[in-house]
């Protein structure tokens, strides 16, 4: 009985997760200027994977990604001026748009990305 309950909870959480699979793009204003960032998300249950590409920072794989309801979280590694940085992303899905917050190097940036595919 307990296994069945656990299976139902896992199934319900994956059904309730927003479908963010596909390509998303947006512009973010940084202290170093504007940058376009493209996200290619892949979702398997509540696990979020894929990669992201920025005009300022290049390509980074998505790590520790998770989708829960209409919220997604993940990390990426960046290299800037010879320094390795970790960027923590959190997003709220609203149809074909995601409101994103990214924390990197003590700064918080906010922007929106839109689904393109």
N, C-alpha and C. Protein backbone atom coordinates (compact mmCIF):
# COMPACT_ATOMS: atom_id res chain seq x y z
N UNK A 1 0.82 -1.19 0.00
CA UNK A 1 0.00 0.00 0.00
C UNK A 1 0.87 1.26 0.00
N UNK A 2 1.91 1.22 0.81
CA UNK A 2 2.78 2.40 0.89
C UNK A 2 3.45 2.67 -0.46
N UNK A 3 3.90 1.61 -1.15
CA UNK A 3 4.53 1.79 -2.47
C UNK A 3 3.56 2.42 -3.46
N UNK A 4 2.30 2.01 -3.38
CA UNK A 4 1.30 2.56 -4.29
C UNK A 4 1.10 4.05 -4.02
N UNK A 5 1.07 4.42 -2.76
CA UNK A 5 0.91 5.83 -2.40
C UNK A 5 2.09 6.65 -2.90
N UNK A 6 3.32 6.15 -2.73
CA UNK A 6 4.51 6.84 -3.21
C UNK A 6 4.45 6.98 -4.73
N UNK A 7 4.06 5.93 -5.42
CA UNK A 7 3.96 5.98 -6.89
C UNK A 7 2.93 7.01 -7.33
N UNK A 8 1.79 7.09 -6.65
CA UNK A 8 0.77 8.08 -6.99
C UNK A 8 1.26 9.51 -6.76
N UNK A 9 1.98 9.72 -5.67
CA UNK A 9 2.53 11.06 -5.39
C UNK A 9 3.53 11.45 -6.46
N UNK A 10 4.42 10.54 -6.84
CA UNK A 10 5.40 10.83 -7.89
C UNK A 10 4.71 11.11 -9.22
N UNK A 11 3.71 10.32 -9.55
CA UNK A 11 2.97 10.52 -10.79
C UNK A 11 2.26 11.87 -10.78
N UNK A 12 1.64 12.21 -9.68
CA UNK A 12 0.93 13.49 -9.59
C UNK A 12 1.88 14.66 -9.72
N UNK A 13 3.06 14.58 -9.12
CA UNK A 13 4.01 15.70 -9.21
C UNK A 13 4.53 15.87 -10.62
N UNK A 14 4.70 14.78 -11.37
CA UNK A 14 5.18 14.93 -12.75
C UNK A 14 4.07 15.43 -13.66
N UNK A 15 2.83 15.06 -13.37
CA UNK A 15 1.70 15.54 -14.17
C UNK A 15 1.49 17.03 -13.94
N UNK A 16 1.70 17.48 -12.73
CA UNK A 16 1.48 18.87 -12.40
C UNK A 16 2.62 19.80 -12.83
N UNK A 17 3.77 19.23 -13.20
CA UNK A 17 4.91 20.05 -13.60
C UNK A 17 4.62 20.71 -14.94
N UNK A 18 4.99 21.98 -15.05
CA UNK A 18 4.80 22.73 -16.29
C UNK A 18 5.67 22.12 -17.38
N UNK A 19 5.16 22.12 -18.61
CA UNK A 19 5.93 21.59 -19.73
C UNK A 19 6.75 22.73 -20.33
N UNK A 20 8.02 22.80 -19.95
CA UNK A 20 8.90 23.84 -20.46
C UNK A 20 9.85 23.32 -21.53
N UNK A 21 9.65 22.07 -21.97
CA UNK A 21 10.51 21.51 -23.01
C UNK A 21 10.49 22.40 -24.24
N UNK A 22 11.67 22.62 -24.83
CA UNK A 22 11.76 23.43 -26.03
C UNK A 22 12.77 24.55 -25.87
N UNK A 23 12.70 25.50 -26.79
CA UNK A 23 13.65 26.61 -26.84
C UNK A 23 12.98 27.90 -26.40
N UNK A 24 13.66 28.64 -25.54
CA UNK A 24 13.18 29.89 -24.97
C UNK A 24 14.27 30.94 -25.13
N UNK A 25 13.89 32.21 -25.38
CA UNK A 25 14.87 33.28 -25.53
C UNK A 25 14.43 34.54 -24.78
N UNK A 26 15.43 35.30 -24.34
CA UNK A 26 15.16 36.57 -23.69
C UNK A 26 16.40 37.42 -23.61
N UNK A 27 16.20 38.70 -23.30
CA UNK A 27 17.29 39.66 -23.12
C UNK A 27 17.39 40.02 -21.64
N UNK A 28 18.61 40.13 -21.16
CA UNK A 28 18.83 40.53 -19.78
C UNK A 28 19.82 41.70 -19.77
N UNK A 29 19.56 42.65 -18.88
CA UNK A 29 20.47 43.78 -18.70
C UNK A 29 21.43 43.43 -17.58
N UNK A 30 22.73 43.45 -17.87
CA UNK A 30 23.74 43.16 -16.87
C UNK A 30 24.61 44.41 -16.67
N UNK A 31 25.42 44.43 -15.63
CA UNK A 31 26.35 45.55 -15.47
C UNK A 31 27.32 45.68 -16.65
N UNK A 32 27.48 44.59 -17.42
CA UNK A 32 28.38 44.59 -18.58
C UNK A 32 27.64 44.80 -19.89
N UNK A 33 26.36 45.16 -19.83
CA UNK A 33 25.58 45.41 -21.04
C UNK A 33 24.47 44.39 -21.22
N UNK A 34 23.75 44.54 -22.32
CA UNK A 34 22.64 43.63 -22.64
C UNK A 34 23.19 42.31 -23.17
N UNK A 35 22.48 41.25 -22.87
CA UNK A 35 22.86 39.93 -23.37
C UNK A 35 21.61 39.14 -23.71
N UNK A 36 21.63 38.50 -24.87
CA UNK A 36 20.56 37.58 -25.21
C UNK A 36 20.95 36.21 -24.70
N UNK A 37 20.01 35.50 -24.09
CA UNK A 37 20.27 34.15 -23.61
C UNK A 37 19.19 33.24 -24.18
N UNK A 38 19.63 32.11 -24.71
CA UNK A 38 18.75 31.07 -25.23
C UNK A 38 18.83 29.86 -24.31
N UNK A 39 17.69 29.32 -23.95
CA UNK A 39 17.60 28.13 -23.11
C UNK A 39 16.97 27.01 -23.94
N UNK A 40 17.58 25.84 -23.94
CA UNK A 40 16.99 24.65 -24.55
C UNK A 40 16.73 23.69 -23.40
N UNK A 41 15.46 23.58 -23.02
CA UNK A 41 15.06 22.76 -21.89
C UNK A 41 14.55 21.40 -22.35
N UNK A 42 14.91 20.39 -21.55
CA UNK A 42 14.38 19.04 -21.72
C UNK A 42 13.84 18.62 -20.35
N UNK A 43 12.63 18.07 -20.34
CA UNK A 43 12.00 17.69 -19.09
C UNK A 43 11.68 16.20 -19.10
N UNK A 44 12.04 15.52 -18.01
CA UNK A 44 11.71 14.11 -17.81
C UNK A 44 11.16 13.99 -16.40
N UNK A 45 9.83 13.92 -16.29
CA UNK A 45 9.19 13.96 -14.97
C UNK A 45 9.38 15.33 -14.36
N UNK A 46 10.07 15.39 -13.21
CA UNK A 46 10.36 16.68 -12.61
C UNK A 46 11.81 17.11 -12.82
N UNK A 47 12.56 16.32 -13.60
CA UNK A 47 13.97 16.62 -13.86
C UNK A 47 14.11 17.53 -15.09
N UNK A 48 14.87 18.61 -14.92
CA UNK A 48 15.11 19.58 -15.99
C UNK A 48 16.58 19.51 -16.41
N UNK A 49 16.82 19.30 -17.70
CA UNK A 49 18.17 19.28 -18.25
C UNK A 49 18.19 20.16 -19.49
N UNK A 50 19.33 20.21 -20.16
CA UNK A 50 19.46 20.97 -21.39
C UNK A 50 20.69 21.84 -21.35
N UNK A 51 20.63 22.95 -22.07
CA UNK A 51 21.76 23.87 -22.11
C UNK A 51 21.27 25.29 -22.35
N UNK A 52 22.16 26.22 -22.13
CA UNK A 52 21.85 27.62 -22.36
C UNK A 52 23.04 28.28 -23.04
N UNK A 53 22.73 29.24 -23.90
CA UNK A 53 23.78 29.96 -24.64
C UNK A 53 23.54 31.46 -24.49
N UNK A 54 24.60 32.19 -24.18
CA UNK A 54 24.52 33.64 -24.02
C UNK A 54 25.49 34.33 -24.96
N UNK A 55 25.11 35.52 -25.43
CA UNK A 55 25.99 36.30 -26.28
C UNK A 55 27.21 36.79 -25.50
N UNK A 56 27.11 36.90 -24.16
CA UNK A 56 28.25 37.35 -23.35
C UNK A 56 29.05 36.20 -22.75
N UNK A 57 28.38 35.10 -22.39
CA UNK A 57 29.04 34.04 -21.62
C UNK A 57 29.20 32.71 -22.35
N UNK A 58 28.66 32.57 -23.54
CA UNK A 58 28.79 31.31 -24.26
C UNK A 58 27.81 30.25 -23.79
N UNK A 59 28.18 28.97 -24.03
CA UNK A 59 27.30 27.83 -23.77
C UNK A 59 27.59 27.21 -22.41
N UNK A 60 26.51 26.82 -21.71
CA UNK A 60 26.62 26.17 -20.41
C UNK A 60 25.55 25.09 -20.29
N UNK A 61 25.93 23.91 -19.79
CA UNK A 61 24.91 22.88 -19.53
C UNK A 61 24.10 23.22 -18.28
N UNK A 62 22.85 22.81 -18.27
CA UNK A 62 21.98 23.01 -17.11
C UNK A 62 22.26 21.90 -16.10
N UNK A 63 22.44 22.29 -14.84
CA UNK A 63 22.74 21.34 -13.77
C UNK A 63 21.69 21.46 -12.67
N UNK A 64 21.46 20.35 -11.98
CA UNK A 64 20.56 20.32 -10.82
C UNK A 64 19.19 20.92 -11.13
N UNK A 65 18.70 20.69 -12.35
CA UNK A 65 17.43 21.27 -12.76
C UNK A 65 16.22 20.51 -12.23
N UNK A 66 15.19 21.28 -11.87
CA UNK A 66 13.96 20.68 -11.35
C UNK A 66 12.77 21.53 -11.76
N UNK A 67 11.67 20.86 -12.07
CA UNK A 67 10.40 21.53 -12.35
C UNK A 67 9.39 21.04 -11.31
N UNK A 68 8.74 21.98 -10.65
CA UNK A 68 7.73 21.65 -9.66
C UNK A 68 6.55 22.59 -9.88
N UNK A 69 5.45 22.06 -10.39
CA UNK A 69 4.30 22.90 -10.71
C UNK A 69 4.69 23.89 -11.78
N UNK A 70 4.53 25.18 -11.51
CA UNK A 70 4.89 26.21 -12.50
C UNK A 70 6.24 26.87 -12.18
N UNK A 71 7.03 26.22 -11.30
CA UNK A 71 8.33 26.77 -10.91
C UNK A 71 9.45 25.86 -11.40
N UNK A 72 10.51 26.48 -11.93
CA UNK A 72 11.69 25.71 -12.31
C UNK A 72 12.91 26.33 -11.65
N UNK A 73 13.88 25.46 -11.32
CA UNK A 73 15.13 25.90 -10.73
C UNK A 73 16.26 25.12 -11.37
N UNK A 74 17.41 25.77 -11.53
CA UNK A 74 18.59 25.11 -12.06
C UNK A 74 19.81 25.99 -11.85
N UNK A 75 20.98 25.40 -12.11
CA UNK A 75 22.25 26.12 -11.99
C UNK A 75 23.02 25.96 -13.30
N UNK A 76 23.90 26.93 -13.56
CA UNK A 76 24.87 26.79 -14.66
C UNK A 76 26.21 27.31 -14.16
N UNK A 77 27.29 26.84 -14.77
CA UNK A 77 28.64 27.32 -14.50
C UNK A 77 29.02 28.32 -15.58
N UNK A 78 29.61 29.44 -15.18
CA UNK A 78 30.05 30.48 -16.11
C UNK A 78 31.53 30.75 -15.90
N UNK A 79 32.17 31.24 -16.94
CA UNK A 79 33.53 31.70 -16.85
C UNK A 79 33.54 33.16 -17.27
N UNK A 80 34.00 34.05 -16.38
CA UNK A 80 34.03 35.48 -16.68
C UNK A 80 35.34 36.06 -16.17
N UNK A 81 36.08 36.69 -17.05
CA UNK A 81 37.38 37.27 -16.72
C UNK A 81 38.29 36.26 -16.01
N UNK A 82 38.25 35.00 -16.48
CA UNK A 82 39.10 33.97 -15.91
C UNK A 82 38.59 33.38 -14.61
N UNK A 83 37.43 33.82 -14.15
CA UNK A 83 36.85 33.30 -12.90
C UNK A 83 35.70 32.36 -13.20
N UNK A 84 35.62 31.27 -12.42
CA UNK A 84 34.49 30.36 -12.50
C UNK A 84 33.40 30.87 -11.58
N UNK A 85 32.19 30.99 -12.12
CA UNK A 85 31.04 31.48 -11.35
C UNK A 85 29.90 30.49 -11.48
N UNK A 86 29.07 30.42 -10.46
CA UNK A 86 27.86 29.61 -10.52
C UNK A 86 26.66 30.55 -10.53
N UNK A 87 25.75 30.32 -11.45
CA UNK A 87 24.53 31.12 -11.55
C UNK A 87 23.35 30.25 -11.14
N UNK A 88 22.56 30.75 -10.20
CA UNK A 88 21.36 30.05 -9.71
C UNK A 88 20.13 30.69 -10.33
N UNK A 89 19.37 29.90 -11.07
CA UNK A 89 18.17 30.39 -11.74
C UNK A 89 16.92 29.89 -11.04
N UNK A 90 15.91 30.74 -11.04
CA UNK A 90 14.57 30.36 -10.61
C UNK A 90 13.60 31.02 -11.58
N UNK A 91 12.61 30.27 -12.02
CA UNK A 91 11.66 30.82 -12.96
C UNK A 91 10.24 30.41 -12.63
N UNK A 92 9.30 31.26 -13.03
CA UNK A 92 7.87 30.97 -12.87
C UNK A 92 7.27 30.98 -14.26
N UNK A 93 6.69 29.85 -14.64
CA UNK A 93 6.11 29.68 -15.97
C UNK A 93 4.72 30.29 -16.01
N UNK A 94 4.51 31.10 -17.05
CA UNK A 94 3.21 31.74 -17.28
C UNK A 94 2.87 31.58 -18.75
N UNK A 95 2.36 30.41 -19.11
CA UNK A 95 2.05 30.12 -20.52
C UNK A 95 3.30 30.01 -21.35
N UNK A 96 3.44 30.88 -22.36
CA UNK A 96 4.61 30.87 -23.24
C UNK A 96 5.69 31.86 -22.79
N UNK A 97 5.69 32.18 -21.50
CA UNK A 97 6.67 33.10 -20.95
C UNK A 97 7.13 32.58 -19.59
N UNK A 98 8.40 32.83 -19.27
CA UNK A 98 8.94 32.47 -17.95
C UNK A 98 9.57 33.72 -17.36
N UNK A 99 9.13 34.11 -16.17
CA UNK A 99 9.77 35.20 -15.44
C UNK A 99 10.95 34.59 -14.70
N UNK A 100 12.16 35.04 -15.04
CA UNK A 100 13.39 34.44 -14.50
C UNK A 100 14.07 35.40 -13.52
N UNK A 101 14.66 34.81 -12.50
CA UNK A 101 15.57 35.50 -11.60
C UNK A 101 16.86 34.70 -11.58
N UNK A 102 17.98 35.36 -11.74
CA UNK A 102 19.27 34.69 -11.68
C UNK A 102 20.15 35.39 -10.66
N UNK A 103 20.75 34.61 -9.78
CA UNK A 103 21.69 35.13 -8.79
C UNK A 103 23.09 34.66 -9.18
N UNK A 104 23.98 35.62 -9.41
CA UNK A 104 25.35 35.30 -9.79
C UNK A 104 26.29 36.36 -9.23
N UNK A 105 27.35 35.93 -8.60
CA UNK A 105 28.38 36.81 -8.05
C UNK A 105 27.79 37.92 -7.18
N UNK A 106 26.81 37.56 -6.36
CA UNK A 106 26.22 38.52 -5.45
C UNK A 106 25.23 39.49 -6.07
N UNK A 107 24.92 39.30 -7.33
CA UNK A 107 23.95 40.17 -8.01
C UNK A 107 22.72 39.37 -8.39
N UNK A 108 21.57 40.01 -8.38
CA UNK A 108 20.33 39.39 -8.82
C UNK A 108 19.83 40.14 -10.04
N UNK A 109 19.59 39.39 -11.11
CA UNK A 109 19.07 39.94 -12.36
C UNK A 109 17.71 39.31 -12.63
N UNK A 110 16.79 40.11 -13.15
CA UNK A 110 15.45 39.62 -13.48
C UNK A 110 15.17 39.90 -14.94
N UNK A 111 14.53 38.93 -15.60
CA UNK A 111 14.10 39.12 -16.97
C UNK A 111 13.09 38.06 -17.36
N UNK A 112 12.51 38.22 -18.53
CA UNK A 112 11.53 37.26 -19.03
C UNK A 112 12.03 36.64 -20.31
N UNK A 113 11.73 35.35 -20.45
CA UNK A 113 12.05 34.64 -21.69
C UNK A 113 10.76 34.15 -22.30
N UNK A 114 10.75 34.05 -23.62
CA UNK A 114 9.56 33.60 -24.34
C UNK A 114 9.89 32.35 -25.13
N UNK A 115 8.91 31.46 -25.24
CA UNK A 115 9.08 30.22 -25.97
C UNK A 115 9.13 30.51 -27.46
N UNK A 116 10.14 29.94 -28.14
CA UNK A 116 10.26 30.12 -29.57
C UNK A 116 10.04 28.81 -30.32
N UNK A 117 10.15 27.68 -29.67
CA UNK A 117 9.89 26.37 -30.30
C UNK A 117 9.28 25.42 -29.29
